[in-house]
Amino acid sequence: MTLASNVLRLSVAQDGSAQFQTIQAALDSLPATAEQAIIQIKPGIYQEKLYLTRDKVALVGQGRTQTIIQYAELRTNWLASHPDDWGSAVVNIRASDIALLGLTIKNSYGELTGDHEHQFAIRGFEHASRIITDDCAIIAGGADTLSLWNKTDGMYYHRNCYIEGHTDMVCPRGWAFFDNVTFYNQKAYATLWHDGELDPAQKLVVVNSHFDGVPGFLLGRRHYDAQFYLINNSYSPKMADRPIFRHTYPQQPERDRANLWGDRYYFSQSVFSQGADSAPRYPWLADNLATHPANLSAAQITAQWTFDGRWDPEAELARLYQLLEQQP
């Protein structure tokens, strides 16, 4: 471990050429201090499950095709012998100011078994906020691939990523921003899900991204109060003609969640990605920002706006990359 300019720098390589041979060993070695920690991970397929419990940690691979963190875990199997979800994902986060850069994170259970029930690639718990992924592939063979669930004050930023899974494959609670992300849904059901029930300002924003999947995949749904903004995105013709919807239980109304703020689904500059006519084919994809109470423009919908000025993840990401360039 080296300490320079208040940064802890560690390295991992499976062949023994670095300080640690496993990522978790590097994480476990970190002192309980406030310095930024950067763990650089050399190429390889790391068959391990990670637990992040210390704030200010960046896991940095050498590209999503080079550095792969992979484990097979089904949530149901995990809960059969554990009291809660802690440990049910490939990457389990109970900390803040975490960055995952240049990695593939894959839950391979569904691929190996054909079981496509809940299996997390990344799972965030209480106190997990200000989470960044950049240049990552995040893949699971079942539902809830990317599940960051700090519903009180969770803030999440995802850029230049590929995300694949099944039902509700992206399911944040709180505030989330996605930029230049490809979503691939392996099931003919909802891709996006959001819980924003604790604060009317909580929102899920997707910009400059692409949605694809199996024929008949759906764009999104919600159980709780939620807020969706989809700006300058392209959609595969395989996407079904069904708007984002509220999931209810007509036969069990006691299971229905509150619906205090109603439907809040906003679109701008939607296009289909194939065919001579790329204009939106579904009326519900039409531009409707003018109906927003603040009469927003697409240019106003940025990361800083998403997080209500409380966090600037783009500045934080630039800082991390600058630290990587300055390494000894």
Protein backbone atom coordinates (compact mmCIF):
# COMPACT_ATOMS: atom_id res chain seq x y z
CA MET A 1 0.00 0.00 0.00
CA THR A 2 1.29 3.46 -0.85
CA LEU A 3 0.05 6.78 0.48
CA ALA A 4 0.66 9.83 -1.69
CA SER A 5 -1.26 13.09 -1.72
CA ASN A 6 -3.78 11.59 0.71
CA VAL A 7 -4.56 8.73 -1.67
CA LEU A 8 -4.17 5.06 -0.78
CA ARG A 9 -3.10 3.07 -3.83
CA LEU A 10 -3.31 -0.72 -4.00
CA SER A 11 -3.01 -3.23 -6.81
CA VAL A 12 -4.44 -6.68 -7.52
CA ALA A 13 -3.27 -9.39 -9.91
CA GLN A 14 -4.14 -13.06 -9.93
CA ASP A 15 -0.62 -14.09 -10.95
CA GLY A 16 1.01 -12.65 -7.82
CA SER A 17 2.61 -9.70 -9.60
CA ALA A 18 0.76 -7.14 -7.46
CA GLN A 19 0.22 -6.53 -3.74
CA PHE A 20 -2.87 -8.76 -3.59
CA GLN A 21 -4.20 -11.74 -5.53
CA THR A 22 -7.87 -11.12 -4.73
CA ILE A 23 -9.90 -7.94 -4.74
CA GLN A 24 -11.54 -8.69 -1.41
CA ALA A 25 -8.13 -9.07 0.26
CA ALA A 26 -7.25 -5.59 -0.95
CA LEU A 27 -10.57 -4.22 0.35
CA ASP A 28 -10.07 -5.92 3.71
CA SER A 29 -6.63 -4.33 4.08
CA LEU A 30 -7.91 -0.75 3.90
CA PRO A 31 -7.66 1.24 7.11
CA ALA A 32 -10.78 2.89 8.52
CA THR A 33 -9.61 6.36 7.53
CA ALA A 34 -10.96 9.11 5.31
CA GLU A 35 -8.41 8.98 2.49
CA GLN A 36 -9.47 8.17 -1.04
CA ALA A 37 -8.53 4.56 -1.85
CA ILE A 38 -7.83 3.42 -5.41
CA ILE A 39 -7.55 -0.30 -6.08
CA GLN A 40 -6.24 -1.06 -9.56
CA ILE A 41 -7.11 -4.52 -10.84
CA LYS A 42 -5.09 -6.19 -13.57
CA PRO A 43 -6.72 -8.27 -16.33
CA GLY A 44 -8.33 -11.55 -15.37
CA ILE A 45 -11.60 -13.23 -14.45
CA TYR A 46 -11.97 -12.79 -10.70
CA GLN A 47 -14.33 -15.46 -9.41
CA GLU A 48 -15.20 -13.72 -6.16
CA LYS A 49 -17.94 -11.90 -4.33
CA LEU A 50 -17.14 -8.42 -3.03
CA TYR A 51 -18.21 -6.59 0.11
CA LEU A 52 -17.57 -2.83 0.19
CA THR A 53 -18.01 -1.32 3.64
CA ARG A 54 -15.50 1.56 3.59
CA ASP A 55 -16.29 4.95 2.07
CA LYS A 56 -14.19 6.51 -0.70
CA VAL A 57 -13.09 3.46 -2.66
CA ALA A 58 -12.54 3.22 -6.43
CA LEU A 59 -12.18 -0.19 -8.05
CA VAL A 60 -10.40 0.34 -11.36
CA GLY A 61 -10.05 -2.35 -13.99
CA GLN A 62 -8.27 -2.26 -17.32
CA GLY A 63 -11.43 -2.26 -19.40
CA ARG A 64 -14.65 -4.22 -19.37
CA THR A 65 -13.25 -6.93 -21.67
CA GLN A 66 -10.08 -7.30 -19.60
CA THR A 67 -11.09 -7.17 -15.93
CA ILE A 68 -14.11 -9.31 -15.06
CA ILE A 69 -15.60 -9.90 -11.62
CA GLN A 70 -17.90 -12.89 -11.85
CA TYR A 71 -19.88 -15.03 -9.41
CA ALA A 72 -23.02 -17.19 -9.59
CA GLU A 73 -25.62 -16.40 -6.89
CA LEU A 74 -29.40 -16.69 -6.78
CA ARG A 75 -31.10 -14.51 -4.21
CA THR A 76 -33.49 -17.30 -3.13
CA ASN A 77 -30.59 -19.66 -2.48
CA TRP A 78 -28.75 -17.02 -0.48
CA LEU A 79 -31.75 -16.19 1.70
CA ALA A 80 -32.29 -19.86 2.50
CA SER A 81 -29.29 -19.70 4.84
CA HIS A 82 -28.85 -15.97 5.56
CA PRO A 83 -31.07 -13.42 7.33
CA ASP A 84 -31.03 -10.74 4.62
CA ASP A 85 -29.68 -9.73 1.21
CA TRP A 86 -26.22 -8.71 2.42
CA GLY A 87 -24.03 -10.98 0.33
CA SER A 88 -26.65 -11.88 -2.27
CA ALA A 89 -24.93 -9.89 -5.05
CA VAL A 90 -21.61 -10.12 -6.83
CA VAL A 91 -20.76 -6.61 -5.59
CA ASN A 92 -22.39 -5.73 -2.27
CA ILE A 93 -22.14 -2.09 -1.20
CA ARG A 94 -22.76 -0.69 2.25
CA ALA A 95 -20.67 2.47 1.86
CA SER A 96 -20.69 5.80 0.02
CA ASP A 97 -18.44 7.49 -2.54
CA ILE A 98 -17.79 4.25 -4.39
CA ALA A 99 -16.60 4.17 -8.01
CA LEU A 100 -16.47 1.14 -10.31
CA LEU A 101 -14.44 1.93 -13.43
CA GLY A 102 -13.40 -0.16 -16.43
CA LEU A 103 -14.90 -3.46 -15.24
CA THR A 104 -17.36 -6.19 -16.06
CA ILE A 105 -19.47 -7.30 -13.11
CA LYS A 106 -21.45 -10.44 -13.88
CA ASN A 107 -23.82 -12.67 -11.95
CA SER A 108 -23.62 -15.85 -14.02
CA TYR A 109 -26.25 -17.92 -12.18
CA GLY A 110 -28.92 -17.66 -14.86
CA GLU A 111 -26.47 -18.34 -17.64
CA LEU A 112 -25.29 -21.51 -15.89
CA THR A 113 -28.65 -22.85 -14.70
CA GLY A 114 -31.43 -21.30 -16.79
CA ASP A 115 -33.05 -19.88 -13.64
CA HIS A 116 -33.84 -16.20 -14.27
CA GLU A 117 -35.22 -15.16 -10.90
CA HIS A 118 -33.65 -12.37 -8.79
CA GLN A 119 -29.87 -12.38 -9.05
CA PHE A 120 -27.99 -9.15 -8.44
CA ALA A 121 -24.79 -8.06 -10.13
CA ILE A 122 -24.59 -4.96 -7.91
CA ARG A 123 -26.65 -4.47 -4.77
CA GLY A 124 -26.54 -1.28 -2.71
CA PHE A 125 -27.87 -1.16 0.83
CA GLU A 126 -28.68 1.53 3.38
CA HIS A 127 -26.04 4.28 3.59
CA ALA A 128 -24.85 3.47 0.04
CA SER A 129 -24.89 6.79 -1.82
CA ARG A 130 -22.84 8.65 -4.41
CA ILE A 131 -22.13 5.48 -6.39
CA ILE A 132 -20.46 5.85 -9.81
CA THR A 133 -20.04 3.33 -12.61
CA ASP A 134 -18.13 4.28 -15.77
CA ASP A 135 -17.08 2.09 -18.69
CA CYS A 136 -18.61 -0.98 -17.06
CA ALA A 137 -20.61 -3.98 -18.24
CA ILE A 138 -23.14 -4.95 -15.56
CA ILE A 139 -24.80 -8.26 -16.35
CA ALA A 140 -27.06 -10.77 -14.63
CA GLY A 141 -28.99 -13.79 -15.83
CA GLY A 142 -32.12 -12.75 -13.95
CA ALA A 143 -34.09 -9.89 -12.46
CA ASP A 144 -32.70 -6.80 -10.67
CA THR A 145 -29.23 -6.68 -12.24
CA LEU A 146 -28.38 -3.21 -10.88
CA SER A 147 -30.17 -2.79 -7.58
CA LEU A 148 -29.12 0.30 -5.60
CA TRP A 149 -31.64 0.57 -2.80
CA ASN A 150 -30.84 3.42 -0.45
CA LYS A 151 -34.33 4.92 -0.63
CA THR A 152 -33.61 7.77 1.79
CA ASP A 153 -30.74 9.64 0.16
CA GLY A 154 -29.25 7.31 -2.46
CA MET A 155 -27.61 9.04 -5.44
CA TYR A 156 -26.19 7.06 -8.37
CA TYR A 157 -24.41 8.02 -11.60
CA HIS A 158 -23.79 5.65 -14.53
CA ARG A 159 -21.92 6.56 -17.72
CA ASN A 160 -20.69 4.66 -20.79
CA CYS A 161 -22.04 1.32 -19.57
CA TYR A 162 -23.73 -1.80 -20.91
CA ILE A 163 -26.43 -3.26 -18.64
CA GLU A 164 -28.16 -6.59 -19.26
CA GLY A 165 -30.72 -8.59 -17.33
CA HIS A 166 -34.37 -9.55 -16.96
CA THR A 167 -37.36 -7.96 -15.20
CA ASP A 168 -36.60 -4.61 -13.50
CA MET A 169 -32.97 -5.02 -14.50
CA VAL A 170 -32.33 -1.40 -13.47
CA CYS A 171 -34.19 -0.64 -10.24
CA PRO A 172 -32.85 2.35 -8.28
CA ARG A 173 -34.38 3.89 -5.18
CA GLY A 174 -33.74 7.60 -4.75
CA TRP A 175 -31.90 9.57 -7.45
CA ALA A 176 -30.23 8.00 -10.51
CA PHE A 177 -28.68 9.38 -13.71
CA PHE A 178 -27.67 7.31 -16.77
CA ASP A 179 -25.70 8.77 -19.68
CA ASN A 180 -24.66 6.87 -22.84
CA VAL A 181 -25.82 3.49 -21.54
CA THR A 182 -27.03 0.51 -23.56
CA PHE A 183 -29.78 -1.48 -21.85
CA TYR A 184 -30.49 -5.01 -23.06
CA ASN A 185 -33.53 -6.75 -21.56
CA GLN A 186 -33.59 -10.53 -21.89
CA LYS A 187 -37.27 -10.79 -20.90
CA ALA A 188 -40.46 -9.41 -22.44
CA TYR A 189 -41.22 -7.33 -19.39
CA ALA A 190 -40.09 -4.11 -17.70
CA THR A 191 -36.56 -2.77 -18.15
CA LEU A 192 -36.62 0.23 -15.80
CA TRP A 193 -38.11 0.47 -12.30
CA HIS A 194 -37.95 3.34 -9.82
CA ASP A 195 -38.89 4.00 -6.21
CA GLY A 196 -39.16 7.68 -5.31
CA GLU A 197 -41.81 7.48 -2.63
CA LEU A 198 -39.97 9.39 0.11
CA ASP A 199 -39.36 12.67 -1.72
CA PRO A 200 -41.14 14.15 -4.75
CA ALA A 201 -37.72 15.28 -6.03
CA GLN A 202 -36.39 11.73 -6.35
CA LYS A 203 -36.04 10.73 -9.99
CA LEU A 204 -34.59 8.35 -12.57
CA VAL A 205 -33.03 10.11 -15.57
CA VAL A 206 -31.73 8.44 -18.75
CA VAL A 207 -30.04 10.52 -21.46
CA ASN A 208 -28.24 9.75 -24.75
CA SER A 209 -28.85 6.02 -24.32
CA HIS A 210 -30.23 3.01 -26.19
CA PHE A 211 -32.85 0.43 -25.23
CA ASP A 212 -32.87 -3.04 -26.78
CA GLY A 213 -33.92 -6.55 -25.86
CA VAL A 214 -35.94 -9.59 -26.82
CA PRO A 215 -39.11 -9.01 -28.87
CA GLY A 216 -41.82 -7.47 -26.71
CA PHE A 217 -39.63 -6.07 -23.97
CA LEU A 218 -41.21 -3.21 -22.01
CA LEU A 219 -39.66 0.13 -21.16
CA GLY A 220 -40.57 0.38 -17.48
CA ARG A 221 -42.91 0.14 -14.52
CA ARG A 222 -43.24 1.24 -10.92
CA HIS A 223 -44.86 0.03 -7.72
CA TYR A 224 -44.13 3.15 -5.68
CA ASP A 225 -44.37 6.84 -6.42
CA ALA A 226 -41.70 7.42 -9.03
CA GLN A 227 -40.46 9.92 -11.62
CA PHE A 228 -38.91 9.09 -15.02
CA TYR A 229 -37.10 11.39 -17.48
CA LEU A 230 -35.98 9.90 -20.83
CA ILE A 231 -34.11 12.40 -22.98
CA ASN A 232 -32.49 11.92 -26.41
CA ASN A 233 -32.71 8.14 -26.32
CA SER A 234 -33.14 5.56 -29.09
CA TYR A 235 -35.38 2.51 -28.87
CA SER A 236 -35.28 -0.81 -30.67
CA PRO A 237 -38.37 -1.66 -32.75
CA LYS A 238 -38.55 -4.81 -30.59
CA MET A 239 -39.82 -2.66 -27.70
CA ALA A 240 -43.54 -3.20 -27.06
CA ASP A 241 -46.12 -0.46 -27.41
CA ARG A 242 -46.83 -0.17 -23.71
CA PRO A 243 -46.14 2.99 -21.69
CA ILE A 244 -44.39 3.00 -18.34
CA PHE A 245 -47.05 1.85 -15.90
CA ARG A 246 -47.94 1.54 -12.24
CA HIS A 247 -48.08 -2.09 -11.11
CA THR A 248 -51.05 -2.78 -8.85
CA TYR A 249 -52.67 -5.86 -7.30
CA PRO A 250 -56.41 -5.85 -8.09
CA GLN A 251 -56.96 -9.09 -6.19
CA GLN A 252 -54.84 -7.95 -3.22
CA PRO A 253 -55.33 -4.17 -2.96
CA GLU A 254 -53.63 -4.12 0.44
CA ARG A 255 -50.37 -4.69 -1.44
CA ASP A 256 -50.72 -1.52 -3.51
CA ARG A 257 -48.30 1.27 -2.72
CA ALA A 258 -49.23 4.92 -2.29
CA ASN A 259 -49.73 6.99 -5.43
CA LEU A 260 -49.46 10.50 -4.02
CA TRP A 261 -47.98 12.26 -7.05
CA GLY A 262 -49.46 10.31 -9.96
CA ASP A 263 -47.82 9.45 -13.26
CA ARG A 264 -44.65 11.46 -13.93
CA TYR A 265 -43.11 10.15 -17.15
CA TYR A 266 -41.31 12.73 -19.31
CA PHE A 267 -39.82 12.28 -22.78
CA SER A 268 -37.87 14.36 -25.26
CA GLN A 269 -36.20 13.58 -28.60
CA SER A 270 -37.11 9.89 -28.70
CA VAL A 271 -36.23 7.94 -31.86
CA PHE A 272 -36.38 4.36 -33.07
CA SER A 273 -33.00 2.97 -33.97
CA GLN A 274 -33.85 1.07 -37.16
CA GLY A 275 -35.93 1.55 -40.26
CA ALA A 276 -36.41 4.40 -42.67
CA ASP A 277 -38.87 6.11 -40.35
CA SER A 278 -37.07 6.75 -37.08
CA ALA A 279 -39.77 8.97 -35.60
CA PRO A 280 -41.46 7.69 -32.42
CA ARG A 281 -44.10 5.15 -33.40
CA TYR A 282 -45.85 5.19 -30.06
CA PRO A 283 -47.75 8.31 -28.97
CA TRP A 284 -46.59 7.96 -25.36
CA LEU A 285 -42.95 8.52 -26.47
CA ALA A 286 -43.76 11.95 -27.86
CA ASP A 287 -42.05 15.01 -26.38
CA ASN A 288 -43.97 16.19 -23.33
CA LEU A 289 -41.52 18.25 -21.27
CA ALA A 290 -43.79 21.23 -21.86
CA THR A 291 -46.31 19.56 -19.56
CA HIS A 292 -43.85 19.55 -16.67
CA PRO A 293 -44.81 22.02 -13.89
CA ALA A 294 -41.45 23.77 -14.38
CA ASN A 295 -41.78 23.77 -18.19
CA LEU A 296 -38.35 22.17 -18.52
CA SER A 297 -36.18 22.04 -21.62
CA ALA A 298 -34.03 19.04 -22.48
CA ALA A 299 -30.88 21.13 -21.96
CA GLN A 300 -31.81 21.67 -18.30
CA ILE A 301 -31.84 17.96 -17.51
CA THR A 302 -28.27 17.36 -16.40
CA ALA A 303 -26.61 15.31 -13.69
CA GLN A 304 -26.37 18.26 -11.32
CA TRP A 305 -30.05 19.05 -11.90
CA THR A 306 -30.94 15.41 -11.26
CA PHE A 307 -29.24 15.50 -7.85
CA ASP A 308 -30.69 18.90 -6.99
CA GLY A 309 -27.21 20.45 -6.77
CA ARG A 310 -26.20 18.21 -3.86
CA TRP A 311 -23.63 16.18 -5.82
CA ASP A 312 -21.54 16.74 -8.94
CA PRO A 313 -20.57 13.22 -10.08
CA GLU A 314 -19.00 14.44 -13.30
CA ALA A 315 -16.53 16.58 -11.35
CA GLU A 316 -15.88 13.67 -9.01
CA LEU A 317 -15.23 11.33 -11.93
CA ALA A 318 -12.83 13.82 -13.50
CA ARG A 319 -11.00 14.04 -10.17
CA LEU A 320 -10.62 10.26 -9.99
CA TYR A 321 -9.25 10.03 -13.53
CA GLN A 322 -6.83 12.82 -12.77
CA LEU A 323 -5.59 10.88 -9.73
CA LEU A 324 -5.10 7.82 -11.93
CA GLU A 325 -3.02 9.84 -14.37
CA GLN A 326 -0.88 11.18 -11.53
CA GLN A 327 -0.07 7.81 -10.00
CA PRO A 328 3.62 7.23 -9.27
